[in-house]
Amino acid sequence: MSKTMAKLPYHYGVKVRVFPSTEQKRLIKHNSDACRFIYNEMNGMNRELFMLKQVKLPIAIVQTRIETLKQRLKRPSTGISNIHGWLNDPDLDSLMKANAIQNYRAAWNLFRKVHQSGVPVFHKRKTEQKY
């Protein structure tokens, strides 16, 4: 019978420094940019939705835009990918979209619970790439 890590008295970890090749660096940058783009798209849609809900007059254009944004935010992965076709590139990681959406929703949940983290802001391009 083999033991799992949870049953062992000590847990060991290993830190490894990785030196990616040029092709791997390109893939990491491409995935990082796509992840940041999806996060920022969701942030932009939520900000626009908030601003449109401030309009008190029942203008037909505003109401249709609110409904469109609500539909896109229900299924953001397909909603953003349908508009921006480059997100369907096979070089992109399969879980990248899901992780970006999950990170954005976690940022909103953290803001709602704690109120010290602040409203989610747009992510800027940085020298370090992560996704």
C-alpha atoms as a PDB file:
ATOM      1  CA  MET A   1       0.000   0.000   0.000  1.00  0.00           C
ATOM      2  CA  SER A   2       1.508   3.316  -1.072  1.00  0.00           C
ATOM      3  CA  LYS A   3       1.161   6.428   1.017  1.00  0.00           C
ATOM      4  CA  THR A   4      -0.040   9.724  -0.325  1.00  0.00           C
ATOM      5  CA  MET A   5       1.712  13.001   0.380  1.00  0.00           C
ATOM      6  CA  ALA A   6      -0.966  13.970   2.893  1.00  0.00           C
ATOM      7  CA  LYS A   7      -0.232  10.857   4.977  1.00  0.00           C
ATOM      8  CA  LEU A   8       3.533  11.396   5.114  1.00  0.00           C
ATOM      9  CA  PRO A   9       4.906  13.188   8.204  1.00  0.00           C
ATOM     10  CA  TYR A  10       7.012  15.599   6.095  1.00  0.00           C
ATOM     11  CA  HIS A  11       6.411  17.241   2.750  1.00  0.00           C
ATOM     12  CA  TYR A  12       9.391  17.966   0.563  1.00  0.00           C
ATOM     13  CA  GLY A  13       9.574  20.411  -2.304  1.00  0.00           C
ATOM     14  CA  VAL A  14      12.139  21.160  -4.919  1.00  0.00           C
ATOM     15  CA  LYS A  15      12.854  24.560  -6.425  1.00  0.00           C
ATOM     16  CA  VAL A  16      14.034  24.374  -9.993  1.00  0.00           C
ATOM     17  CA  ARG A  17      15.090  27.226 -12.214  1.00  0.00           C
ATOM     18  CA  VAL A  18      14.006  26.750 -15.798  1.00  0.00           C
ATOM     19  CA  PHE A  19      15.665  28.263 -18.857  1.00  0.00           C
ATOM     20  CA  PRO A  20      13.142  28.128 -21.711  1.00  0.00           C
ATOM     21  CA  SER A  21      14.205  28.003 -25.335  1.00  0.00           C
ATOM     22  CA  THR A  22      13.361  30.792 -27.779  1.00  0.00           C
ATOM     23  CA  GLU A  23      10.258  28.943 -29.002  1.00  0.00           C
ATOM     24  CA  GLN A  24       9.107  28.309 -25.431  1.00  0.00           C
ATOM     25  CA  LYS A  25       9.614  31.990 -24.576  1.00  0.00           C
ATOM     26  CA  ARG A  26       7.446  32.919 -27.564  1.00  0.00           C
ATOM     27  CA  LEU A  27       4.682  30.551 -26.426  1.00  0.00           C
ATOM     28  CA  ILE A  28       4.829  31.856 -22.852  1.00  0.00           C
ATOM     29  CA  LYS A  29       4.593  35.463 -24.081  1.00  0.00           C
ATOM     30  CA  HIS A  30       1.707  34.626 -26.440  1.00  0.00           C
ATOM     31  CA  ASN A  31      -0.230  32.875 -23.657  1.00  0.00           C
ATOM     32  CA  SER A  32       0.525  35.630 -21.158  1.00  0.00           C
ATOM     33  CA  ASP A  33      -0.688  38.327 -23.554  1.00  0.00           C
ATOM     34  CA  ALA A  34      -3.884  36.392 -24.319  1.00  0.00           C
ATOM     35  CA  CYS A  35      -4.548  35.834 -20.605  1.00  0.00           C
ATOM     36  CA  ARG A  36      -4.078  39.539 -19.872  1.00  0.00           C
ATOM     37  CA  PHE A  37      -6.301  40.432 -22.846  1.00  0.00           C
ATOM     38  CA  ILE A  38      -9.164  38.233 -21.609  1.00  0.00           C
ATOM     39  CA  TYR A  39      -8.867  39.629 -18.073  1.00  0.00           C
ATOM     40  CA  ASN A  40      -8.934  43.186 -19.412  1.00  0.00           C
ATOM     41  CA  GLU A  41     -11.877  42.425 -21.733  1.00  0.00           C
ATOM     42  CA  MET A  42     -13.921  41.141 -18.809  1.00  0.00           C
ATOM     43  CA  ASN A  43     -12.926  44.164 -16.754  1.00  0.00           C
ATOM     44  CA  GLY A  44     -13.951  46.488 -19.589  1.00  0.00           C
ATOM     45  CA  MET A  45     -17.301  44.748 -20.064  1.00  0.00           C
ATOM     46  CA  ASN A  46     -18.107  44.964 -16.351  1.00  0.00           C
ATOM     47  CA  ARG A  47     -17.123  48.633 -16.179  1.00  0.00           C
ATOM     48  CA  GLU A  48     -19.240  49.437 -19.229  1.00  0.00           C
ATOM     49  CA  LEU A  49     -22.159  47.489 -17.773  1.00  0.00           C
ATOM     50  CA  PHE A  50     -21.860  49.426 -14.507  1.00  0.00           C
ATOM     51  CA  MET A  51     -21.800  52.777 -16.329  1.00  0.00           C
ATOM     52  CA  LEU A  52     -24.783  51.853 -18.527  1.00  0.00           C
ATOM     53  CA  LYS A  53     -26.809  50.823 -15.477  1.00  0.00           C
ATOM     54  CA  GLN A  54     -26.317  54.347 -14.110  1.00  0.00           C
ATOM     55  CA  VAL A  55     -28.448  55.705 -16.982  1.00  0.00           C
ATOM     56  CA  LYS A  56     -31.925  56.106 -15.542  1.00  0.00           C
ATOM     57  CA  LEU A  57     -33.807  56.751 -18.806  1.00  0.00           C
ATOM     58  CA  PRO A  58     -35.066  53.615 -20.588  1.00  0.00           C
ATOM     59  CA  ILE A  59     -33.275  54.279 -23.886  1.00  0.00           C
ATOM     60  CA  ALA A  60     -33.603  51.349 -26.301  1.00  0.00           C
ATOM     61  CA  ILE A  61     -29.927  51.407 -27.388  1.00  0.00           C
ATOM     62  CA  VAL A  62     -28.739  51.366 -23.774  1.00  0.00           C
ATOM     63  CA  GLN A  63     -31.094  48.527 -22.863  1.00  0.00           C
ATOM     64  CA  THR A  64     -29.971  46.376 -25.808  1.00  0.00           C
ATOM     65  CA  ARG A  65     -26.313  47.011 -24.978  1.00  0.00           C
ATOM     66  CA  ILE A  66     -26.922  46.000 -21.347  1.00  0.00           C
ATOM     67  CA  GLU A  67     -28.562  42.753 -22.498  1.00  0.00           C
ATOM     68  CA  THR A  68     -25.699  42.076 -24.914  1.00  0.00           C
ATOM     69  CA  LEU A  69     -23.102  42.583 -22.192  1.00  0.00           C
ATOM     70  CA  LYS A  70     -25.014  40.375 -19.756  1.00  0.00           C
ATOM     71  CA  GLN A  71     -25.137  37.574 -22.341  1.00  0.00           C
ATOM     72  CA  ARG A  72     -21.413  37.912 -23.061  1.00  0.00           C
ATOM     73  CA  LEU A  73     -20.588  37.851 -19.346  1.00  0.00           C
ATOM     74  CA  LYS A  74     -22.629  34.682 -18.772  1.00  0.00           C
ATOM     75  CA  ARG A  75     -20.334  32.707 -21.070  1.00  0.00           C
ATOM     76  CA  PRO A  76     -17.251  34.913 -21.418  1.00  0.00           C
ATOM     77  CA  SER A  77     -14.997  32.251 -22.902  1.00  0.00           C
ATOM     78  CA  THR A  78     -17.076  31.817 -26.044  1.00  0.00           C
ATOM     79  CA  GLY A  79     -18.288  35.419 -26.079  1.00  0.00           C
ATOM     80  CA  ILE A  80     -14.778  36.869 -26.218  1.00  0.00           C
ATOM     81  CA  SER A  81     -13.418  34.158 -28.532  1.00  0.00           C
ATOM     82  CA  ASN A  82     -16.205  34.672 -31.072  1.00  0.00           C
ATOM     83  CA  ILE A  83     -15.376  38.366 -31.389  1.00  0.00           C
ATOM     84  CA  HIS A  84     -11.591  37.995 -31.234  1.00  0.00           C
ATOM     85  CA  GLY A  85     -10.752  35.022 -33.445  1.00  0.00           C
ATOM     86  CA  TRP A  86      -7.041  35.020 -32.618  1.00  0.00           C
ATOM     87  CA  LEU A  87      -7.921  33.568 -29.199  1.00  0.00           C
ATOM     88  CA  ASN A  88      -8.760  30.274 -30.945  1.00  0.00           C
ATOM     89  CA  ASP A  89      -5.117  29.820 -31.960  1.00  0.00           C
ATOM     90  CA  PRO A  90      -3.898  26.238 -31.328  1.00  0.00           C
ATOM     91  CA  ASP A  91      -0.685  27.574 -29.733  1.00  0.00           C
ATOM     92  CA  LEU A  92      -2.685  28.934 -26.810  1.00  0.00           C
ATOM     93  CA  ASP A  93      -2.986  26.809 -23.684  1.00  0.00           C
ATOM     94  CA  SER A  94      -6.289  24.990 -23.317  1.00  0.00           C
ATOM     95  CA  LEU A  95      -6.887  26.203 -19.754  1.00  0.00           C
ATOM     96  CA  MET A  96      -5.604  29.750 -20.275  1.00  0.00           C
ATOM     97  CA  LYS A  97      -9.069  31.223 -20.945  1.00  0.00           C
ATOM     98  CA  ALA A  98     -10.633  29.429 -17.999  1.00  0.00           C
ATOM     99  CA  ASN A  99      -7.851  30.533 -15.641  1.00  0.00           C
ATOM    100  CA  ALA A 100      -8.090  34.179 -16.748  1.00  0.00           C
ATOM    101  CA  ILE A 101     -11.852  34.171 -16.196  1.00  0.00           C
ATOM    102  CA  GLN A 102     -11.445  32.421 -12.845  1.00  0.00           C
ATOM    103  CA  ASN A 103      -8.809  34.961 -11.757  1.00  0.00           C
ATOM    104  CA  TYR A 104     -11.095  37.857 -12.677  1.00  0.00           C
ATOM    105  CA  ARG A 105     -14.043  36.395 -10.796  1.00  0.00           C
ATOM    106  CA  ALA A 106     -11.799  35.681  -7.787  1.00  0.00           C
ATOM    107  CA  ALA A 107     -10.666  39.333  -7.801  1.00  0.00           C
ATOM    108  CA  TRP A 108     -14.307  40.476  -7.689  1.00  0.00           C
ATOM    109  CA  ASN A 109     -15.163  38.014  -4.923  1.00  0.00           C
ATOM    110  CA  LEU A 110     -12.173  39.228  -2.926  1.00  0.00           C
ATOM    111  CA  PHE A 111     -13.304  42.829  -3.366  1.00  0.00           C
ATOM    112  CA  ARG A 112     -16.833  41.983  -2.238  1.00  0.00           C
ATOM    113  CA  LYS A 113     -15.635  40.129   0.862  1.00  0.00           C
ATOM    114  CA  VAL A 114     -12.691  42.215   2.015  1.00  0.00           C
ATOM    115  CA  HIS A 115     -13.117  45.697   0.435  1.00  0.00           C
ATOM    116  CA  GLN A 116      -9.435  46.386   1.029  1.00  0.00           C
ATOM    117  CA  SER A 117      -8.179  44.907  -2.210  1.00  0.00           C
ATOM    118  CA  GLY A 118      -9.968  47.485  -4.362  1.00  0.00           C
ATOM    119  CA  VAL A 119     -11.961  47.061  -7.550  1.00  0.00           C
ATOM    120  CA  PRO A 120     -10.169  44.921 -10.164  1.00  0.00           C
ATOM    121  CA  VAL A 121      -8.056  47.101 -12.436  1.00  0.00           C
ATOM    122  CA  PHE A 122      -6.707  46.572 -15.937  1.00  0.00           C
ATOM    123  CA  HIS A 123      -3.522  44.513 -16.081  1.00  0.00           C
ATOM    124  CA  LYS A 124      -0.568  46.241 -17.692  1.00  0.00           C
ATOM    125  CA  ARG A 125       2.071  44.609 -19.842  1.00  0.00           C
ATOM    126  CA  LYS A 126       5.069  43.751 -17.675  1.00  0.00           C
ATOM    127  CA  THR A 127       8.505  42.332 -18.243  1.00  0.00           C
ATOM    128  CA  GLU A 128       7.625  39.111 -16.434  1.00  0.00           C
ATOM    129  CA  GLN A 129       5.081  36.923 -18.190  1.00  0.00           C
ATOM    130  CA  LYS A 130       2.801  34.620 -16.249  1.00  0.00           C
ATOM    131  CA  TYR A 131      -0.477  32.961 -16.958  1.00  0.00           C
END
